[in-house]
Amino acid sequence: MHTACPKSFARIREEMKNDDPHRKVPTLTQLFERTRKRTEGRTYVDIYDDMARKLEQMKNYKAVENEKTTIDPFLVVKNKENYEYRRLYGRGVTNTLIKKVEGASTSYMIPEGLMESFKANVDVEKNQLLEMRKEIEDDHERKKAELEAMREDIDSQRQNLEAMMQKVIKQLPAED
């Protein structure tokens, strides 16, 4: 029994993906379990025993050790292949449609070695920028000190010039 009501499988799948902290797409087993939950206090007409047994089988499924590919427990327990539509995807969703959608999406995943290389380059450039900033700050402080020294020198020269002007004015004959 499918108890998702008017909600589509796509909406439920998206909600489950958003609820997951790593934003992983839920497995078919998780989707099967979520869409077959029973509301407490409500009576149902059909028998739930078969569904509960299948859910337990899915939870307790152990993959064969020598297999390299991971098989969803839902596919093993249900063991139904229907070439016309995909189970737990909703009406009108076919294998061909899924392949088109999955094939059209491009992966923006970057290989880990390349990512490490980028990180190393960023760290090197960051260190270079920090060194350049320190050099600029040191140069600024040095220029600031030079400017202050020049100001003091100009002030002392101005005072000396004023003193000499006062002396020259005193030595001039007084005008009547």
C-alpha atoms as a PDB file:
ATOM      1  CA  MET A   1       0.000   0.000   0.000  1.00  0.00           C
ATOM      2  CA  HIS A   2       1.275   3.449  -0.910  1.00  0.00           C
ATOM      3  CA  THR A   3       0.318   5.988   1.763  1.00  0.00           C
ATOM      4  CA  ALA A   4       1.946   9.077   0.316  1.00  0.00           C
ATOM      5  CA  CYS A   5      -1.496  10.428  -0.622  1.00  0.00           C
ATOM      6  CA  PRO A   6      -1.429  13.345  -3.065  1.00  0.00           C
ATOM      7  CA  LYS A   7       2.319  13.868  -2.597  1.00  0.00           C
ATOM      8  CA  SER A   8       4.404  12.653  -5.489  1.00  0.00           C
ATOM      9  CA  PHE A   9       7.426  10.437  -5.051  1.00  0.00           C
ATOM     10  CA  ALA A  10       9.591  13.249  -6.407  1.00  0.00           C
ATOM     11  CA  ARG A  11       8.399  15.631  -3.674  1.00  0.00           C
ATOM     12  CA  ILE A  12       8.956  13.016  -0.978  1.00  0.00           C
ATOM     13  CA  ARG A  13      12.407  12.202  -2.377  1.00  0.00           C
ATOM     14  CA  GLU A  14      13.312  15.930  -2.397  1.00  0.00           C
ATOM     15  CA  GLU A  15      12.075  16.372   1.198  1.00  0.00           C
ATOM     16  CA  MET A  16      14.158  13.395   2.320  1.00  0.00           C
ATOM     17  CA  LYS A  17      17.182  14.788   0.486  1.00  0.00           C
ATOM     18  CA  ASN A  18      16.737  18.179   2.199  1.00  0.00           C
ATOM     19  CA  ASP A  19      16.313  16.517   5.615  1.00  0.00           C
ATOM     20  CA  ASP A  20      19.582  14.616   5.215  1.00  0.00           C
ATOM     21  CA  PRO A  21      22.569  16.575   6.650  1.00  0.00           C
ATOM     22  CA  HIS A  22      24.784  15.491   3.728  1.00  0.00           C
ATOM     23  CA  ARG A  23      22.000  16.138   1.172  1.00  0.00           C
ATOM     24  CA  LYS A  24      22.253  12.614  -0.246  1.00  0.00           C
ATOM     25  CA  VAL A  25      19.499  11.215  -2.426  1.00  0.00           C
ATOM     26  CA  PRO A  26      17.544   8.634  -0.399  1.00  0.00           C
ATOM     27  CA  THR A  27      17.773   4.980  -1.355  1.00  0.00           C
ATOM     28  CA  LEU A  28      14.787   3.100  -2.699  1.00  0.00           C
ATOM     29  CA  THR A  29      14.570   1.244   0.616  1.00  0.00           C
ATOM     30  CA  GLN A  30      14.333   4.496   2.577  1.00  0.00           C
ATOM     31  CA  LEU A  31      11.715   5.828   0.168  1.00  0.00           C
ATOM     32  CA  PHE A  32       9.726   2.570   0.364  1.00  0.00           C
ATOM     33  CA  GLU A  33       9.767   2.723   4.155  1.00  0.00           C
ATOM     34  CA  ARG A  34       8.805   6.410   4.274  1.00  0.00           C
ATOM     35  CA  THR A  35       5.871   6.010   1.894  1.00  0.00           C
ATOM     36  CA  ARG A  36       4.491   2.980   3.746  1.00  0.00           C
ATOM     37  CA  LYS A  37       4.329   4.422   7.266  1.00  0.00           C
ATOM     38  CA  ARG A  38       1.099   3.897   9.134  1.00  0.00           C
ATOM     39  CA  THR A  39      -0.688   6.637  11.029  1.00  0.00           C
ATOM     40  CA  GLU A  40      -1.297   5.655  14.640  1.00  0.00           C
ATOM     41  CA  GLY A  41      -4.919   5.348  15.678  1.00  0.00           C
ATOM     42  CA  ARG A  42      -6.193   4.841  12.147  1.00  0.00           C
ATOM     43  CA  THR A  43      -7.686   1.538  11.000  1.00  0.00           C
ATOM     44  CA  TYR A  44      -6.718   0.080   7.650  1.00  0.00           C
ATOM     45  CA  VAL A  45      -8.605  -2.427   5.529  1.00  0.00           C
ATOM     46  CA  ASP A  46      -5.700  -4.339   3.979  1.00  0.00           C
ATOM     47  CA  ILE A  47      -3.188  -6.638   5.605  1.00  0.00           C
ATOM     48  CA  TYR A  48       0.069  -5.026   6.680  1.00  0.00           C
ATOM     49  CA  ASP A  49       1.999  -8.194   7.585  1.00  0.00           C
ATOM     50  CA  ASP A  50       3.546  -8.724   4.143  1.00  0.00           C
ATOM     51  CA  MET A  51       4.691  -5.099   4.002  1.00  0.00           C
ATOM     52  CA  ALA A  52       6.228  -5.261   7.488  1.00  0.00           C
ATOM     53  CA  ARG A  53       8.016  -8.512   6.605  1.00  0.00           C
ATOM     54  CA  LYS A  54       9.483  -6.964   3.458  1.00  0.00           C
ATOM     55  CA  LEU A  55      10.615  -3.873   5.374  1.00  0.00           C
ATOM     56  CA  GLU A  56      12.393  -6.110   7.885  1.00  0.00           C
ATOM     57  CA  GLN A  57      14.065  -8.035   5.056  1.00  0.00           C
ATOM     58  CA  MET A  58      15.284  -4.764   3.556  1.00  0.00           C
ATOM     59  CA  LYS A  59      16.681  -3.572   6.882  1.00  0.00           C
ATOM     60  CA  ASN A  60      18.431  -6.886   7.581  1.00  0.00           C
ATOM     61  CA  TYR A  61      19.819  -7.376   4.061  1.00  0.00           C
ATOM     62  CA  LYS A  62      23.577  -7.959   3.874  1.00  0.00           C
ATOM     63  CA  ALA A  63      25.283  -7.514   0.518  1.00  0.00           C
ATOM     64  CA  VAL A  64      27.479 -10.269  -0.879  1.00  0.00           C
ATOM     65  CA  GLU A  65      31.099  -9.491  -0.008  1.00  0.00           C
ATOM     66  CA  ASN A  66      32.656 -10.209  -3.396  1.00  0.00           C
ATOM     67  CA  GLU A  67      30.334  -7.833  -5.264  1.00  0.00           C
ATOM     68  CA  LYS A  68      31.918  -4.504  -6.133  1.00  0.00           C
ATOM     69  CA  THR A  69      28.657  -2.751  -6.950  1.00  0.00           C
ATOM     70  CA  THR A  70      26.186  -1.890  -4.252  1.00  0.00           C
ATOM     71  CA  ILE A  71      22.671  -3.147  -4.805  1.00  0.00           C
ATOM     72  CA  ASP A  72      19.783  -1.470  -3.074  1.00  0.00           C
ATOM     73  CA  PRO A  73      18.034  -3.924  -0.706  1.00  0.00           C
ATOM     74  CA  PHE A  74      14.696  -2.806  -2.169  1.00  0.00           C
ATOM     75  CA  LEU A  75      15.595  -4.325  -5.534  1.00  0.00           C
ATOM     76  CA  VAL A  76      16.696  -7.595  -3.911  1.00  0.00           C
ATOM     77  CA  VAL A  77      13.638  -8.006  -1.675  1.00  0.00           C
ATOM     78  CA  LYS A  78      10.997  -6.894  -4.169  1.00  0.00           C
ATOM     79  CA  ASN A  79      12.776  -8.653  -7.044  1.00  0.00           C
ATOM     80  CA  LYS A  80      10.512  -7.098  -9.637  1.00  0.00           C
ATOM     81  CA  GLU A  81      11.806  -5.633 -12.831  1.00  0.00           C
ATOM     82  CA  ASN A  82       9.232  -3.883 -14.897  1.00  0.00           C
ATOM     83  CA  TYR A  83      10.541  -2.397 -18.092  1.00  0.00           C
ATOM     84  CA  GLU A  84       7.568  -0.079 -18.565  1.00  0.00           C
ATOM     85  CA  TYR A  85       7.962   2.029 -15.431  1.00  0.00           C
ATOM     86  CA  ARG A  86      10.224   2.535 -12.405  1.00  0.00           C
ATOM     87  CA  ARG A  87       8.928   1.611  -9.000  1.00  0.00           C
ATOM     88  CA  LEU A  88       8.965   4.373  -6.365  1.00  0.00           C
ATOM     89  CA  TYR A  89       9.352   7.105  -8.980  1.00  0.00           C
ATOM     90  CA  GLY A  90       5.680   7.703  -9.782  1.00  0.00           C
ATOM     91  CA  ARG A  91       3.485   7.430 -12.843  1.00  0.00           C
ATOM     92  CA  GLY A  92       4.970   8.007 -16.236  1.00  0.00           C
ATOM     93  CA  VAL A  93       8.589   7.644 -15.104  1.00  0.00           C
ATOM     94  CA  THR A  94      10.350   5.073 -17.251  1.00  0.00           C
ATOM     95  CA  ASN A  95      13.870   3.702 -17.304  1.00  0.00           C
ATOM     96  CA  THR A  96      14.530   5.682 -20.491  1.00  0.00           C
ATOM     97  CA  LEU A  97      13.409   8.921 -18.866  1.00  0.00           C
ATOM     98  CA  ILE A  98      15.644   8.305 -15.842  1.00  0.00           C
ATOM     99  CA  LYS A  99      18.627   7.605 -18.097  1.00  0.00           C
ATOM    100  CA  LYS A 100      17.991  10.832 -20.028  1.00  0.00           C
ATOM    101  CA  VAL A 101      17.763  12.898 -16.857  1.00  0.00           C
ATOM    102  CA  GLU A 102      20.797  11.293 -15.227  1.00  0.00           C
ATOM    103  CA  GLY A 103      22.824  11.411 -18.447  1.00  0.00           C
ATOM    104  CA  ALA A 104      22.089  15.097 -19.064  1.00  0.00           C
ATOM    105  CA  SER A 105      23.397  16.211 -15.715  1.00  0.00           C
ATOM    106  CA  THR A 106      27.055  17.037 -15.714  1.00  0.00           C
ATOM    107  CA  SER A 107      29.188  16.413 -12.718  1.00  0.00           C
ATOM    108  CA  TYR A 108      30.935  19.365 -11.181  1.00  0.00           C
ATOM    109  CA  MET A 109      32.992  17.133  -8.947  1.00  0.00           C
ATOM    110  CA  ILE A 110      36.697  17.889  -9.019  1.00  0.00           C
ATOM    111  CA  PRO A 111      39.219  15.089  -8.508  1.00  0.00           C
ATOM    112  CA  GLU A 112      40.785  15.191  -5.069  1.00  0.00           C
ATOM    113  CA  GLY A 113      44.347  15.512  -6.400  1.00  0.00           C
ATOM    114  CA  LEU A 114      43.370  18.552  -8.428  1.00  0.00           C
ATOM    115  CA  MET A 115      41.573  20.054  -5.437  1.00  0.00           C
ATOM    116  CA  GLU A 116      44.662  19.556  -3.252  1.00  0.00           C
ATOM    117  CA  SER A 117      46.743  21.258  -5.944  1.00  0.00           C
ATOM    118  CA  PHE A 118      44.345  24.225  -5.976  1.00  0.00           C
ATOM    119  CA  LYS A 119      44.466  24.440  -2.184  1.00  0.00           C
ATOM    120  CA  ALA A 120      48.279  24.376  -2.217  1.00  0.00           C
ATOM    121  CA  ASN A 121      48.363  27.140  -4.842  1.00  0.00           C
ATOM    122  CA  VAL A 122      45.890  29.216  -2.850  1.00  0.00           C
ATOM    123  CA  ASP A 123      47.976  28.779   0.309  1.00  0.00           C
ATOM    124  CA  VAL A 124      51.152  29.839  -1.527  1.00  0.00           C
ATOM    125  CA  GLU A 125      49.425  32.892  -3.010  1.00  0.00           C
ATOM    126  CA  LYS A 126      47.939  33.751   0.379  1.00  0.00           C
ATOM    127  CA  ASN A 127      51.387  33.636   1.991  1.00  0.00           C
ATOM    128  CA  GLN A 128      52.797  35.796  -0.815  1.00  0.00           C
ATOM    129  CA  LEU A 129      50.022  38.336  -0.329  1.00  0.00           C
ATOM    130  CA  LEU A 130      50.635  38.407   3.418  1.00  0.00           C
ATOM    131  CA  GLU A 131      54.358  38.990   2.827  1.00  0.00           C
ATOM    132  CA  MET A 132      53.603  41.745   0.328  1.00  0.00           C
ATOM    133  CA  ARG A 133      51.202  43.348   2.792  1.00  0.00           C
ATOM    134  CA  LYS A 134      53.835  43.248   5.523  1.00  0.00           C
ATOM    135  CA  GLU A 135      56.412  44.788   3.161  1.00  0.00           C
ATOM    136  CA  ILE A 136      53.963  47.544   2.213  1.00  0.00           C
ATOM    137  CA  GLU A 137      53.183  48.246   5.878  1.00  0.00           C
ATOM    138  CA  ASP A 138      56.914  48.354   6.715  1.00  0.00           C
ATOM    139  CA  ASP A 139      57.551  50.652   3.741  1.00  0.00           C
ATOM    140  CA  HIS A 140      54.661  52.862   4.866  1.00  0.00           C
ATOM    141  CA  GLU A 141      56.078  53.120   8.393  1.00  0.00           C
ATOM    142  CA  ARG A 142      59.548  53.912   7.009  1.00  0.00           C
ATOM    143  CA  LYS A 143      58.169  56.612   4.681  1.00  0.00           C
ATOM    144  CA  LYS A 144      56.103  58.017   7.534  1.00  0.00           C
ATOM    145  CA  ALA A 145      59.230  58.254   9.727  1.00  0.00           C
ATOM    146  CA  GLU A 146      61.190  59.885   6.868  1.00  0.00           C
ATOM    147  CA  LEU A 147      58.392  62.412   6.324  1.00  0.00           C
ATOM    148  CA  GLU A 148      58.314  63.249  10.038  1.00  0.00           C
ATOM    149  CA  ALA A 149      62.104  63.711  10.029  1.00  0.00           C
ATOM    150  CA  MET A 150      61.850  65.999   6.984  1.00  0.00           C
ATOM    151  CA  ARG A 151      59.101  68.023   8.721  1.00  0.00           C
ATOM    152  CA  GLU A 152      61.259  68.470  11.801  1.00  0.00           C
ATOM    153  CA  ASP A 153      64.221  69.476   9.609  1.00  0.00           C
ATOM    154  CA  ILE A 154      62.098  72.036   7.735  1.00  0.00           C
ATOM    155  CA  ASP A 155      60.740  73.416  11.028  1.00  0.00           C
ATOM    156  CA  SER A 156      64.260  73.794  12.438  1.00  0.00           C
ATOM    157  CA  GLN A 157      65.456  75.478   9.216  1.00  0.00           C
ATOM    158  CA  ARG A 158      62.457  77.830   9.330  1.00  0.00           C
ATOM    159  CA  GLN A 159      63.234  78.733  12.947  1.00  0.00           C
ATOM    160  CA  ASN A 160      66.906  79.339  12.072  1.00  0.00           C
ATOM    161  CA  LEU A 161      65.877  81.496   9.111  1.00  0.00           C
ATOM    162  CA  GLU A 162      63.479  83.516  11.282  1.00  0.00           C
ATOM    163  CA  ALA A 163      66.210  84.015  13.896  1.00  0.00           C
ATOM    164  CA  MET A 164      68.639  85.166  11.206  1.00  0.00           C
ATOM    165  CA  MET A 165      65.999  87.534   9.796  1.00  0.00           C
ATOM    166  CA  GLN A 166      65.450  88.994  13.261  1.00  0.00           C
ATOM    167  CA  LYS A 167      69.199  89.469  13.645  1.00  0.00           C
ATOM    168  CA  VAL A 168      69.481  91.174  10.254  1.00  0.00           C
ATOM    169  CA  ILE A 169      66.534  93.433  11.025  1.00  0.00           C
ATOM    170  CA  LYS A 170      68.164  94.501  14.310  1.00  0.00           C
ATOM    171  CA  GLN A 171      71.430  95.317  12.560  1.00  0.00           C
ATOM    172  CA  LEU A 172      69.771  97.583  10.011  1.00  0.00           C
ATOM    173  CA  PRO A 173      69.865 101.279  10.778  1.00  0.00           C
ATOM    174  CA  ALA A 174      66.662 102.587  12.171  1.00  0.00           C
ATOM    175  CA  GLU A 175      64.584 104.685   9.823  1.00  0.00           C
ATOM    176  CA  ASP A 176      63.371 108.087  10.993  1.00  0.00           C
END
